[in-house]
């Protein structure tokens, strides 16, 4: 593996590296400034293939070009704007907007110190702000696959949540390794946050993202990680013992957490409709939501957690890539 690029290096005669923001098993993220745009700050992401043979390098280049063209079409103010891909010194890079702010993981850790966790009202606002973002990317047939407090930033300028780090770099690696298998393949998603079908089968749909979003919500509410919120004997979610919320809101979250994909809400629209019907949401006179689908009846089955015996690692940077998406679920 090549070492990190030294601070001050200029790539493409334009992007000056300021510092290393993070590193995982599959890549690095650098903070850089664009000397061609008045030294505007940007995030530069380097992909590190696990293999360096000719096939892996060629395949990586091919996927970069093809999938970047797809992501370039996605324009949403709460998704960092994709700018470009390039190769230099046999390294592959992605360039995107840099988001100034703190991850919800960092915010939660700060609040845990003072025992001031997120309230029901706060997470309701959070859901209302982040659900339209998911609806937007899902409309392109793209599944995020790695929603967690680590991958949502509260933007400093307007306090809006910004969705980052689509969990697809491992999918790219899987695709490359599939013809030259040398090690066990890993499906995308954080243990405890991703549903069982994603972790065990590598199958992800829109409701897989909704499951992970619900896990994120209960973690923000309770300050506890998924393995602490799942009953180890029954493998069912038991988050309500740690926090008191309104019954209607709990019903929405529990349906999002249903073990069987068919028992969950199937779209962002369905979740928005369910939230809109809550009495305390109605009183806020929220904008009317376009009703495209009818809600199926709430699941009567217990909500079961996926892989509770695995400890999630909040500091894992393996899924930090935003724009490498061979594994994106394109319908």
C-alpha atoms as a PDB file:
ATOM      1  CA  UNK A   1       0.000   0.000   0.000  1.00  0.00           C
ATOM      2  CA  UNK A   2       1.283   3.420  -0.923  1.00  0.00           C
ATOM      3  CA  UNK A   3       1.830   5.838   1.981  1.00  0.00           C
ATOM      4  CA  UNK A   4      -0.365   8.932   2.493  1.00  0.00           C
ATOM      5  CA  UNK A   5       0.434  11.876   0.254  1.00  0.00           C
ATOM      6  CA  UNK A   6       2.442  14.574   2.078  1.00  0.00           C
ATOM      7  CA  UNK A   7       0.730  17.790   3.131  1.00  0.00           C
ATOM      8  CA  UNK A   8       1.318  20.591   0.664  1.00  0.00           C
ATOM      9  CA  UNK A   9       1.412  18.314  -2.382  1.00  0.00           C
ATOM     10  CA  UNK A  10      -0.419  19.750  -5.379  1.00  0.00           C
ATOM     11  CA  UNK A  11      -2.323  17.287  -7.574  1.00  0.00           C
ATOM     12  CA  UNK A  12      -3.413  17.989 -11.137  1.00  0.00           C
ATOM     13  CA  UNK A  13      -1.542  21.301 -10.825  1.00  0.00           C
ATOM     14  CA  UNK A  14      -4.564  22.518  -8.889  1.00  0.00           C
ATOM     15  CA  UNK A  15      -5.504  20.722  -5.642  1.00  0.00           C
ATOM     16  CA  UNK A  16      -3.236  21.476  -2.678  1.00  0.00           C
ATOM     17  CA  UNK A  17      -3.478  18.983   0.199  1.00  0.00           C
ATOM     18  CA  UNK A  18      -4.007  20.583   3.595  1.00  0.00           C
ATOM     19  CA  UNK A  19      -4.231  17.519   5.813  1.00  0.00           C
ATOM     20  CA  UNK A  20      -5.410  13.919   6.067  1.00  0.00           C
ATOM     21  CA  UNK A  21      -8.996  13.739   7.341  1.00  0.00           C
ATOM     22  CA  UNK A  22      -9.338   9.994   7.668  1.00  0.00           C
ATOM     23  CA  UNK A  23      -8.147   6.605   6.510  1.00  0.00           C
ATOM     24  CA  UNK A  24      -9.694   3.150   6.296  1.00  0.00           C
ATOM     25  CA  UNK A  25      -8.923  -0.162   4.725  1.00  0.00           C
ATOM     26  CA  UNK A  26     -10.101   0.958   1.317  1.00  0.00           C
ATOM     27  CA  UNK A  27      -9.078   4.572   1.036  1.00  0.00           C
ATOM     28  CA  UNK A  28      -8.145   7.946   2.448  1.00  0.00           C
ATOM     29  CA  UNK A  29      -9.841  11.323   2.633  1.00  0.00           C
ATOM     30  CA  UNK A  30      -7.823  14.531   2.373  1.00  0.00           C
ATOM     31  CA  UNK A  31      -8.851  18.115   2.973  1.00  0.00           C
ATOM     32  CA  UNK A  32      -7.625  20.114   0.001  1.00  0.00           C
ATOM     33  CA  UNK A  33      -7.978  23.561  -1.472  1.00  0.00           C
ATOM     34  CA  UNK A  34      -8.791  24.213  -5.088  1.00  0.00           C
ATOM     35  CA  UNK A  35      -6.308  26.804  -6.330  1.00  0.00           C
ATOM     36  CA  UNK A  36      -8.389  27.101  -9.487  1.00  0.00           C
ATOM     37  CA  UNK A  37     -11.437  28.237  -7.495  1.00  0.00           C
ATOM     38  CA  UNK A  38     -10.049  30.904  -5.140  1.00  0.00           C
ATOM     39  CA  UNK A  39      -8.604  28.261  -2.775  1.00  0.00           C
ATOM     40  CA  UNK A  40     -12.057  26.873  -2.045  1.00  0.00           C
ATOM     41  CA  UNK A  41     -11.889  23.859   0.253  1.00  0.00           C
ATOM     42  CA  UNK A  42     -12.851  20.441  -1.073  1.00  0.00           C
ATOM     43  CA  UNK A  43     -12.680  16.791  -0.040  1.00  0.00           C
ATOM     44  CA  UNK A  44     -10.296  14.620  -2.033  1.00  0.00           C
ATOM     45  CA  UNK A  45     -10.794  10.895  -1.693  1.00  0.00           C
ATOM     46  CA  UNK A  46      -8.197   8.350  -2.675  1.00  0.00           C
ATOM     47  CA  UNK A  47      -9.228   4.784  -3.446  1.00  0.00           C
ATOM     48  CA  UNK A  48      -6.740   2.113  -2.350  1.00  0.00           C
ATOM     49  CA  UNK A  49      -7.335  -1.206  -4.173  1.00  0.00           C
ATOM     50  CA  UNK A  50      -6.611  -4.306  -2.136  1.00  0.00           C
ATOM     51  CA  UNK A  51      -4.973  -5.738  -5.229  1.00  0.00           C
ATOM     52  CA  UNK A  52      -2.539  -4.054  -7.568  1.00  0.00           C
ATOM     53  CA  UNK A  53      -2.603  -6.491 -10.452  1.00  0.00           C
ATOM     54  CA  UNK A  54      -3.371  -5.235 -13.931  1.00  0.00           C
ATOM     55  CA  UNK A  55      -6.947  -6.521 -13.845  1.00  0.00           C
ATOM     56  CA  UNK A  56      -7.767  -4.746 -10.557  1.00  0.00           C
ATOM     57  CA  UNK A  57      -6.297  -1.441 -11.711  1.00  0.00           C
ATOM     58  CA  UNK A  58      -8.007  -1.577 -15.105  1.00  0.00           C
ATOM     59  CA  UNK A  59     -11.343  -2.549 -13.568  1.00  0.00           C
ATOM     60  CA  UNK A  60     -11.095   0.244 -10.994  1.00  0.00           C
ATOM     61  CA  UNK A  61     -10.503   2.819 -13.716  1.00  0.00           C
ATOM     62  CA  UNK A  62     -13.436   1.497 -15.725  1.00  0.00           C
ATOM     63  CA  UNK A  63     -15.830   1.598 -12.786  1.00  0.00           C
ATOM     64  CA  UNK A  64     -14.668   5.044 -11.735  1.00  0.00           C
ATOM     65  CA  UNK A  65     -15.511   6.528 -15.116  1.00  0.00           C
ATOM     66  CA  UNK A  66     -18.814   4.736 -15.584  1.00  0.00           C
ATOM     67  CA  UNK A  67     -20.292   5.256 -12.156  1.00  0.00           C
ATOM     68  CA  UNK A  68     -19.030   8.814 -11.697  1.00  0.00           C
ATOM     69  CA  UNK A  69     -21.040   9.748 -14.781  1.00  0.00           C
ATOM     70  CA  UNK A  70     -24.163   8.456 -13.020  1.00  0.00           C
ATOM     71  CA  UNK A  71     -23.531  10.244  -9.731  1.00  0.00           C
ATOM     72  CA  UNK A  72     -22.758  13.480 -11.492  1.00  0.00           C
ATOM     73  CA  UNK A  73     -26.466  13.704 -12.284  1.00  0.00           C
ATOM     74  CA  UNK A  74     -27.445  13.804  -8.598  1.00  0.00           C
ATOM     75  CA  UNK A  75     -27.914  17.358  -7.426  1.00  0.00           C
ATOM     76  CA  UNK A  76     -29.195  17.875  -3.893  1.00  0.00           C
ATOM     77  CA  UNK A  77     -28.221  20.585  -1.392  1.00  0.00           C
ATOM     78  CA  UNK A  78     -27.828  17.961   1.355  1.00  0.00           C
ATOM     79  CA  UNK A  79     -25.497  15.690  -0.590  1.00  0.00           C
ATOM     80  CA  UNK A  80     -21.916  16.886  -1.200  1.00  0.00           C
ATOM     81  CA  UNK A  81     -21.590  17.862  -4.830  1.00  0.00           C
ATOM     82  CA  UNK A  82     -19.468  15.526  -6.905  1.00  0.00           C
ATOM     83  CA  UNK A  83     -16.900  17.396  -8.973  1.00  0.00           C
ATOM     84  CA  UNK A  84     -14.502  15.070 -10.745  1.00  0.00           C
ATOM     85  CA  UNK A  85     -12.429  11.915 -10.823  1.00  0.00           C
ATOM     86  CA  UNK A  86      -8.820  11.706 -11.890  1.00  0.00           C
ATOM     87  CA  UNK A  87      -5.760   9.494 -11.749  1.00  0.00           C
ATOM     88  CA  UNK A  88      -2.266  10.603 -10.822  1.00  0.00           C
ATOM     89  CA  UNK A  89       0.835   8.556 -10.072  1.00  0.00           C
ATOM     90  CA  UNK A  90      -1.231   5.363 -10.319  1.00  0.00           C
ATOM     91  CA  UNK A  91      -3.639   6.605  -7.663  1.00  0.00           C
ATOM     92  CA  UNK A  92      -7.370   7.059  -8.201  1.00  0.00           C
ATOM     93  CA  UNK A  93      -9.108  10.123  -6.752  1.00  0.00           C
ATOM     94  CA  UNK A  94     -12.593  11.522  -6.343  1.00  0.00           C
ATOM     95  CA  UNK A  95     -13.302  15.174  -5.695  1.00  0.00           C
ATOM     96  CA  UNK A  96     -16.364  16.517  -3.908  1.00  0.00           C
ATOM     97  CA  UNK A  97     -17.490  19.479  -1.862  1.00  0.00           C
ATOM     98  CA  UNK A  98     -16.153  19.723   1.677  1.00  0.00           C
ATOM     99  CA  UNK A  99     -18.887  20.007   4.320  1.00  0.00           C
ATOM    100  CA  UNK A 100     -18.024  22.133   7.334  1.00  0.00           C
ATOM    101  CA  UNK A 101     -19.695  20.731  10.420  1.00  0.00           C
ATOM    102  CA  UNK A 102     -19.818  17.833  12.864  1.00  0.00           C
ATOM    103  CA  UNK A 103     -21.051  14.299  12.357  1.00  0.00           C
ATOM    104  CA  UNK A 104     -23.999  13.248  14.452  1.00  0.00           C
ATOM    105  CA  UNK A 105     -21.614  10.772  16.077  1.00  0.00           C
ATOM    106  CA  UNK A 106     -19.478  13.654  17.326  1.00  0.00           C
ATOM    107  CA  UNK A 107     -22.523  15.605  18.478  1.00  0.00           C
ATOM    108  CA  UNK A 108     -23.853  12.577  20.346  1.00  0.00           C
ATOM    109  CA  UNK A 109     -20.519  12.007  22.055  1.00  0.00           C
ATOM    110  CA  UNK A 110     -20.464  15.635  23.205  1.00  0.00           C
ATOM    111  CA  UNK A 111     -23.977  15.346  24.564  1.00  0.00           C
ATOM    112  CA  UNK A 112     -23.240  12.112  26.374  1.00  0.00           C
ATOM    113  CA  UNK A 113     -20.722  13.974  28.495  1.00  0.00           C
ATOM    114  CA  UNK A 114     -23.486  16.239  29.819  1.00  0.00           C
ATOM    115  CA  UNK A 115     -26.272  13.621  29.732  1.00  0.00           C
ATOM    116  CA  UNK A 116     -28.258  15.725  27.254  1.00  0.00           C
ATOM    117  CA  UNK A 117     -29.226  13.241  24.551  1.00  0.00           C
ATOM    118  CA  UNK A 118     -31.431  13.948  21.545  1.00  0.00           C
ATOM    119  CA  UNK A 119     -35.100  14.494  22.388  1.00  0.00           C
ATOM    120  CA  UNK A 120     -38.055  13.090  20.487  1.00  0.00           C
ATOM    121  CA  UNK A 121     -38.744  16.536  19.019  1.00  0.00           C
ATOM    122  CA  UNK A 122     -35.150  16.812  17.828  1.00  0.00           C
ATOM    123  CA  UNK A 123     -35.103  13.425  16.100  1.00  0.00           C
ATOM    124  CA  UNK A 124     -38.476  14.160  14.514  1.00  0.00           C
ATOM    125  CA  UNK A 125     -37.007  17.309  13.022  1.00  0.00           C
ATOM    126  CA  UNK A 126     -33.952  15.317  11.985  1.00  0.00           C
ATOM    127  CA  UNK A 127     -36.160  12.772  10.196  1.00  0.00           C
ATOM    128  CA  UNK A 128     -38.148  15.473   8.439  1.00  0.00           C
ATOM    129  CA  UNK A 129     -34.896  16.983   7.193  1.00  0.00           C
ATOM    130  CA  UNK A 130     -33.092  13.800   6.108  1.00  0.00           C
ATOM    131  CA  UNK A 131     -35.952  11.749   4.623  1.00  0.00           C
ATOM    132  CA  UNK A 132     -36.288  13.979   1.516  1.00  0.00           C
ATOM    133  CA  UNK A 133     -32.572  13.408   0.844  1.00  0.00           C
ATOM    134  CA  UNK A 134     -33.065   9.645   0.891  1.00  0.00           C
ATOM    135  CA  UNK A 135     -36.135  10.016  -1.278  1.00  0.00           C
ATOM    136  CA  UNK A 136     -34.066  11.936  -3.803  1.00  0.00           C
ATOM    137  CA  UNK A 137     -31.271   9.383  -4.105  1.00  0.00           C
ATOM    138  CA  UNK A 138     -33.736   6.501  -4.113  1.00  0.00           C
ATOM    139  CA  UNK A 139     -35.487   8.125  -7.067  1.00  0.00           C
ATOM    140  CA  UNK A 140     -32.273   7.488  -9.002  1.00  0.00           C
ATOM    141  CA  UNK A 141     -32.308   3.846  -7.929  1.00  0.00           C
ATOM    142  CA  UNK A 142     -29.381   4.467  -5.585  1.00  0.00           C
ATOM    143  CA  UNK A 143     -29.213   2.909  -2.124  1.00  0.00           C
ATOM    144  CA  UNK A 144     -26.888   4.553   0.392  1.00  0.00           C
ATOM    145  CA  UNK A 145     -26.131   1.268   2.230  1.00  0.00           C
ATOM    146  CA  UNK A 146     -24.237   2.787   5.159  1.00  0.00           C
ATOM    147  CA  UNK A 147     -26.464   5.195   7.078  1.00  0.00           C
ATOM    148  CA  UNK A 148     -25.277   5.814  10.632  1.00  0.00           C
ATOM    149  CA  UNK A 149     -24.458   8.763  12.911  1.00  0.00           C
ATOM    150  CA  UNK A 150     -20.929   8.713  11.424  1.00  0.00           C
ATOM    151  CA  UNK A 151     -22.175   9.358   7.895  1.00  0.00           C
ATOM    152  CA  UNK A 152     -24.494  12.293   8.485  1.00  0.00           C
ATOM    153  CA  UNK A 153     -23.028  15.735   9.132  1.00  0.00           C
ATOM    154  CA  UNK A 154     -24.884  18.645  10.710  1.00  0.00           C
ATOM    155  CA  UNK A 155     -23.765  21.436   8.437  1.00  0.00           C
ATOM    156  CA  UNK A 156     -22.471  24.405  10.384  1.00  0.00           C
ATOM    157  CA  UNK A 157     -23.913  27.070   8.095  1.00  0.00           C
ATOM    158  CA  UNK A 158     -27.582  26.093   8.391  1.00  0.00           C
ATOM    159  CA  UNK A 159     -27.708  23.147  10.854  1.00  0.00           C
ATOM    160  CA  UNK A 160     -29.139  20.872   8.157  1.00  0.00           C
ATOM    161  CA  UNK A 161     -28.141  17.190   8.021  1.00  0.00           C
ATOM    162  CA  UNK A 162     -25.948  16.284   5.048  1.00  0.00           C
ATOM    163  CA  UNK A 163     -25.667  12.686   3.872  1.00  0.00           C
ATOM    164  CA  UNK A 164     -22.088  11.614   3.192  1.00  0.00           C
ATOM    165  CA  UNK A 165     -19.974   8.532   2.525  1.00  0.00           C
ATOM    166  CA  UNK A 166     -22.178   6.194   0.540  1.00  0.00           C
ATOM    167  CA  UNK A 167     -21.231   2.674   1.661  1.00  0.00           C
ATOM    168  CA  UNK A 168     -20.226   1.305  -1.675  1.00  0.00           C
ATOM    169  CA  UNK A 169     -16.439   1.113  -1.798  1.00  0.00           C
ATOM    170  CA  UNK A 170     -16.569  -2.480  -0.533  1.00  0.00           C
ATOM    171  CA  UNK A 171     -18.959  -3.301  -3.346  1.00  0.00           C
ATOM    172  CA  UNK A 172     -16.361  -2.056  -5.792  1.00  0.00           C
ATOM    173  CA  UNK A 173     -13.718  -4.179  -4.128  1.00  0.00           C
ATOM    174  CA  UNK A 174     -16.050  -7.186  -4.196  1.00  0.00           C
ATOM    175  CA  UNK A 175     -16.616  -6.731  -7.909  1.00  0.00           C
ATOM    176  CA  UNK A 176     -12.900  -6.511  -8.580  1.00  0.00           C
ATOM    177  CA  UNK A 177     -12.038  -9.478  -6.358  1.00  0.00           C
ATOM    178  CA  UNK A 178     -14.799 -11.718  -7.671  1.00  0.00           C
ATOM    179  CA  UNK A 179     -12.655 -12.856 -10.606  1.00  0.00           C
ATOM    180  CA  UNK A 180      -9.491 -13.123  -8.502  1.00  0.00           C
ATOM    181  CA  UNK A 181     -10.744 -14.334  -5.140  1.00  0.00           C
ATOM    182  CA  UNK A 182      -7.967 -14.342  -2.559  1.00  0.00           C
ATOM    183  CA  UNK A 183      -9.868 -13.490   0.636  1.00  0.00           C
ATOM    184  CA  UNK A 184     -13.418 -13.686   2.028  1.00  0.00           C
ATOM    185  CA  UNK A 185     -15.652 -10.977   0.610  1.00  0.00           C
ATOM    186  CA  UNK A 186     -17.442  -8.529   2.902  1.00  0.00           C
ATOM    187  CA  UNK A 187     -20.867  -7.056   2.212  1.00  0.00           C
ATOM    188  CA  UNK A 188     -21.434  -3.375   2.743  1.00  0.00           C
ATOM    189  CA  UNK A 189     -22.967  -1.987   5.929  1.00  0.00           C
ATOM    190  CA  UNK A 190     -22.122  -1.455   9.583  1.00  0.00           C
ATOM    191  CA  UNK A 191     -22.960  -4.334  11.871  1.00  0.00           C
ATOM    192  CA  UNK A 192     -25.928  -3.418  13.999  1.00  0.00           C
ATOM    193  CA  UNK A 193     -27.042  -0.659  11.638  1.00  0.00           C
ATOM    194  CA  UNK A 194     -27.526  -2.569   8.401  1.00  0.00           C
ATOM    195  CA  UNK A 195     -30.398  -5.099   8.247  1.00  0.00           C
ATOM    196  CA  UNK A 196     -29.754  -8.816   8.014  1.00  0.00           C
ATOM    197  CA  UNK A 197     -30.470  -9.131   4.294  1.00  0.00           C
ATOM    198  CA  UNK A 198     -27.816  -6.552   3.526  1.00  0.00           C
ATOM    199  CA  UNK A 199     -25.167  -8.036   5.802  1.00  0.00           C
ATOM    200  CA  UNK A 200     -25.824 -11.699   5.039  1.00  0.00           C
ATOM    201  CA  UNK A 201     -27.047 -11.615   1.444  1.00  0.00           C
ATOM    202  CA  UNK A 202     -25.597  -8.366   0.121  1.00  0.00           C
ATOM    203  CA  UNK A 203     -29.122  -7.354  -0.881  1.00  0.00           C
ATOM    204  CA  UNK A 204     -30.180  -3.766  -0.239  1.00  0.00           C
ATOM    205  CA  UNK A 205     -33.321  -1.835  -1.157  1.00  0.00           C
ATOM    206  CA  UNK A 206     -34.858   1.469  -0.114  1.00  0.00           C
ATOM    207  CA  UNK A 207     -36.264  -0.075   3.061  1.00  0.00           C
ATOM    208  CA  UNK A 208     -32.759  -1.257   4.006  1.00  0.00           C
ATOM    209  CA  UNK A 209     -31.765   2.407   4.215  1.00  0.00           C
ATOM    210  CA  UNK A 210     -34.907   3.132   6.239  1.00  0.00           C
ATOM    211  CA  UNK A 211     -33.932   0.367   8.695  1.00  0.00           C
ATOM    212  CA  UNK A 212     -30.478   1.900   9.166  1.00  0.00           C
ATOM    213  CA  UNK A 213     -32.020   5.335   9.599  1.00  0.00           C
ATOM    214  CA  UNK A 214     -34.273   3.992  12.351  1.00  0.00           C
ATOM    215  CA  UNK A 215     -31.258   2.452  14.108  1.00  0.00           C
ATOM    216  CA  UNK A 216     -29.536   5.834  13.865  1.00  0.00           C
ATOM    217  CA  UNK A 217     -32.555   7.486  15.478  1.00  0.00           C
ATOM    218  CA  UNK A 218     -32.689   5.101  18.442  1.00  0.00           C
ATOM    219  CA  UNK A 219     -28.945   5.484  18.962  1.00  0.00           C
ATOM    220  CA  UNK A 220     -29.364   9.285  19.080  1.00  0.00           C
ATOM    221  CA  UNK A 221     -32.290   8.942  21.484  1.00  0.00           C
ATOM    222  CA  UNK A 222     -30.656   6.457  23.861  1.00  0.00           C
ATOM    223  CA  UNK A 223     -26.949   7.188  23.506  1.00  0.00           C
ATOM    224  CA  UNK A 224     -26.369   3.454  23.227  1.00  0.00           C
ATOM    225  CA  UNK A 225     -25.056   1.315  20.389  1.00  0.00           C
ATOM    226  CA  UNK A 226     -27.216  -1.297  18.644  1.00  0.00           C
ATOM    227  CA  UNK A 227     -25.733  -4.282  20.453  1.00  0.00           C
ATOM    228  CA  UNK A 228     -26.852  -2.656  23.724  1.00  0.00           C
ATOM    229  CA  UNK A 229     -30.381  -2.164  22.428  1.00  0.00           C
ATOM    230  CA  UNK A 230     -31.024  -5.716  21.227  1.00  0.00           C
ATOM    231  CA  UNK A 231     -32.153  -8.462  23.562  1.00  0.00           C
ATOM    232  CA  UNK A 232     -29.434 -11.097  23.272  1.00  0.00           C
ATOM    233  CA  UNK A 233     -31.771 -13.987  24.027  1.00  0.00           C
ATOM    234  CA  UNK A 234     -34.602 -13.104  21.615  1.00  0.00           C
ATOM    235  CA  UNK A 235     -32.650 -10.921  19.143  1.00  0.00           C
ATOM    236  CA  UNK A 236     -35.437  -8.336  19.269  1.00  0.00           C
ATOM    237  CA  UNK A 237     -35.026  -4.599  19.576  1.00  0.00           C
ATOM    238  CA  UNK A 238     -35.571  -3.388  23.141  1.00  0.00           C
ATOM    239  CA  UNK A 239     -34.701   0.279  22.781  1.00  0.00           C
ATOM    240  CA  UNK A 240     -37.832   1.654  24.489  1.00  0.00           C
ATOM    241  CA  UNK A 241     -36.642   0.551  27.902  1.00  0.00           C
ATOM    242  CA  UNK A 242     -34.012   3.296  27.678  1.00  0.00           C
ATOM    243  CA  UNK A 243     -36.105   6.253  26.534  1.00  0.00           C
ATOM    244  CA  UNK A 244     -39.722   7.412  26.740  1.00  0.00           C
ATOM    245  CA  UNK A 245     -41.303   8.509  23.474  1.00  0.00           C
ATOM    246  CA  UNK A 246     -44.889   8.875  22.288  1.00  0.00           C
ATOM    247  CA  UNK A 247     -46.581   5.597  21.297  1.00  0.00           C
ATOM    248  CA  UNK A 248     -47.237   6.728  17.737  1.00  0.00           C
ATOM    249  CA  UNK A 249     -43.641   7.686  17.133  1.00  0.00           C
ATOM    250  CA  UNK A 250     -42.416   4.411  18.663  1.00  0.00           C
ATOM    251  CA  UNK A 251     -44.748   2.511  16.318  1.00  0.00           C
ATOM    252  CA  UNK A 252     -43.226   4.255  13.291  1.00  0.00           C
ATOM    253  CA  UNK A 253     -39.667   3.500  14.395  1.00  0.00           C
ATOM    254  CA  UNK A 254     -40.464  -0.113  15.253  1.00  0.00           C
ATOM    255  CA  UNK A 255     -41.992  -0.693  11.852  1.00  0.00           C
ATOM    256  CA  UNK A 256     -38.861   0.712  10.215  1.00  0.00           C
ATOM    257  CA  UNK A 257     -36.908  -1.770  12.358  1.00  0.00           C
ATOM    258  CA  UNK A 258     -38.954  -4.808  11.312  1.00  0.00           C
ATOM    259  CA  UNK A 259     -36.847  -7.890  10.701  1.00  0.00           C
ATOM    260  CA  UNK A 260     -38.619  -8.878   7.506  1.00  0.00           C
ATOM    261  CA  UNK A 261     -38.123  -6.353   4.676  1.00  0.00           C
ATOM    262  CA  UNK A 262     -41.746  -6.759   3.599  1.00  0.00           C
ATOM    263  CA  UNK A 263     -42.985  -5.630   7.029  1.00  0.00           C
ATOM    264  CA  UNK A 264     -41.151  -2.307   6.862  1.00  0.00           C
ATOM    265  CA  UNK A 265     -42.256   0.862   5.146  1.00  0.00           C
ATOM    266  CA  UNK A 266     -41.293   0.380   1.532  1.00  0.00           C
ATOM    267  CA  UNK A 267     -40.478   3.994   0.672  1.00  0.00           C
ATOM    268  CA  UNK A 268     -39.587   7.362   2.119  1.00  0.00           C
ATOM    269  CA  UNK A 269     -43.062   8.566   1.149  1.00  0.00           C
ATOM    270  CA  UNK A 270     -44.669   5.965   3.407  1.00  0.00           C
ATOM    271  CA  UNK A 271     -42.537   7.045   6.381  1.00  0.00           C
ATOM    272  CA  UNK A 272     -43.316  10.707   5.747  1.00  0.00           C
ATOM    273  CA  UNK A 273     -47.027   9.931   5.606  1.00  0.00           C
ATOM    274  CA  UNK A 274     -46.841   7.996   8.864  1.00  0.00           C
ATOM    275  CA  UNK A 275     -45.010  10.840  10.591  1.00  0.00           C
ATOM    276  CA  UNK A 276     -47.458  13.374   9.216  1.00  0.00           C
ATOM    277  CA  UNK A 277     -50.331  11.537  10.913  1.00  0.00           C
ATOM    278  CA  UNK A 278     -48.753  11.850  14.372  1.00  0.00           C
ATOM    279  CA  UNK A 279     -50.792  14.334  16.481  1.00  0.00           C
ATOM    280  CA  UNK A 280     -47.815  16.500  17.471  1.00  0.00           C
ATOM    281  CA  UNK A 281     -46.664  16.632  13.857  1.00  0.00           C
ATOM    282  CA  UNK A 282     -50.096  17.653  12.590  1.00  0.00           C
ATOM    283  CA  UNK A 283     -50.098  20.571  14.978  1.00  0.00           C
ATOM    284  CA  UNK A 284     -46.963  21.925  13.304  1.00  0.00           C
ATOM    285  CA  UNK A 285     -48.860  22.239   9.995  1.00  0.00           C
ATOM    286  CA  UNK A 286     -46.119  20.650   7.933  1.00  0.00           C
ATOM    287  CA  UNK A 287     -46.243  20.979   4.128  1.00  0.00           C
ATOM    288  CA  UNK A 288     -48.509  18.421   2.468  1.00  0.00           C
ATOM    289  CA  UNK A 289     -46.642  15.291   1.437  1.00  0.00           C
ATOM    290  CA  UNK A 290     -47.352  13.839  -1.979  1.00  0.00           C
ATOM    291  CA  UNK A 291     -49.181  10.586  -1.269  1.00  0.00           C
ATOM    292  CA  UNK A 292     -48.011   8.087  -3.829  1.00  0.00           C
ATOM    293  CA  UNK A 293     -48.457   4.817  -2.008  1.00  0.00           C
ATOM    294  CA  UNK A 294     -50.838   3.317   0.528  1.00  0.00           C
ATOM    295  CA  UNK A 295     -49.414   2.173   3.826  1.00  0.00           C
ATOM    296  CA  UNK A 296     -49.588  -1.547   4.471  1.00  0.00           C
ATOM    297  CA  UNK A 297     -50.831  -2.537   7.908  1.00  0.00           C
ATOM    298  CA  UNK A 298     -48.260  -2.294  10.693  1.00  0.00           C
ATOM    299  CA  UNK A 299     -46.206  -5.405  11.295  1.00  0.00           C
ATOM    300  CA  UNK A 300     -47.252  -7.587  14.188  1.00  0.00           C
ATOM    301  CA  UNK A 301     -43.945  -9.436  14.191  1.00  0.00           C
ATOM    302  CA  UNK A 302     -41.151  -8.533  16.608  1.00  0.00           C
ATOM    303  CA  UNK A 303     -38.500  -6.196  15.319  1.00  0.00           C
ATOM    304  CA  UNK A 304     -35.296  -8.184  15.164  1.00  0.00           C
ATOM    305  CA  UNK A 305     -31.800  -6.776  15.023  1.00  0.00           C
ATOM    306  CA  UNK A 306     -29.238  -7.946  12.507  1.00  0.00           C
ATOM    307  CA  UNK A 307     -25.951  -9.448  13.768  1.00  0.00           C
ATOM    308  CA  UNK A 308     -26.165  -8.141  17.362  1.00  0.00           C
ATOM    309  CA  UNK A 309     -23.027  -9.952  18.447  1.00  0.00           C
ATOM    310  CA  UNK A 310     -20.862  -7.772  16.240  1.00  0.00           C
ATOM    311  CA  UNK A 311     -19.580  -4.530  17.696  1.00  0.00           C
ATOM    312  CA  UNK A 312     -19.933  -1.525  15.374  1.00  0.00           C
ATOM    313  CA  UNK A 313     -16.835   0.577  15.100  1.00  0.00           C
ATOM    314  CA  UNK A 314     -17.687   4.286  15.056  1.00  0.00           C
ATOM    315  CA  UNK A 315     -14.189   5.090  13.868  1.00  0.00           C
ATOM    316  CA  UNK A 316     -14.205   2.751  10.887  1.00  0.00           C
ATOM    317  CA  UNK A 317     -13.400   4.728   7.742  1.00  0.00           C
ATOM    318  CA  UNK A 318     -13.725   1.787   5.332  1.00  0.00           C
ATOM    319  CA  UNK A 319     -17.023   3.063   3.974  1.00  0.00           C
ATOM    320  CA  UNK A 320     -16.014   6.666   3.623  1.00  0.00           C
ATOM    321  CA  UNK A 321     -16.226   6.912  -0.163  1.00  0.00           C
ATOM    322  CA  UNK A 322     -19.071   8.966  -1.520  1.00  0.00           C
ATOM    323  CA  UNK A 323     -18.844   8.428  -5.231  1.00  0.00           C
ATOM    324  CA  UNK A 324     -17.453   4.950  -6.041  1.00  0.00           C
ATOM    325  CA  UNK A 325     -20.623   3.072  -6.723  1.00  0.00           C
ATOM    326  CA  UNK A 326     -20.313  -0.162  -8.591  1.00  0.00           C
ATOM    327  CA  UNK A 327     -22.328  -1.568  -5.681  1.00  0.00           C
ATOM    328  CA  UNK A 328     -25.095   1.016  -5.943  1.00  0.00           C
ATOM    329  CA  UNK A 329     -28.480  -0.636  -6.351  1.00  0.00           C
ATOM    330  CA  UNK A 330     -29.534   0.657  -9.754  1.00  0.00           C
ATOM    331  CA  UNK A 331     -33.062  -0.371 -10.704  1.00  0.00           C
END
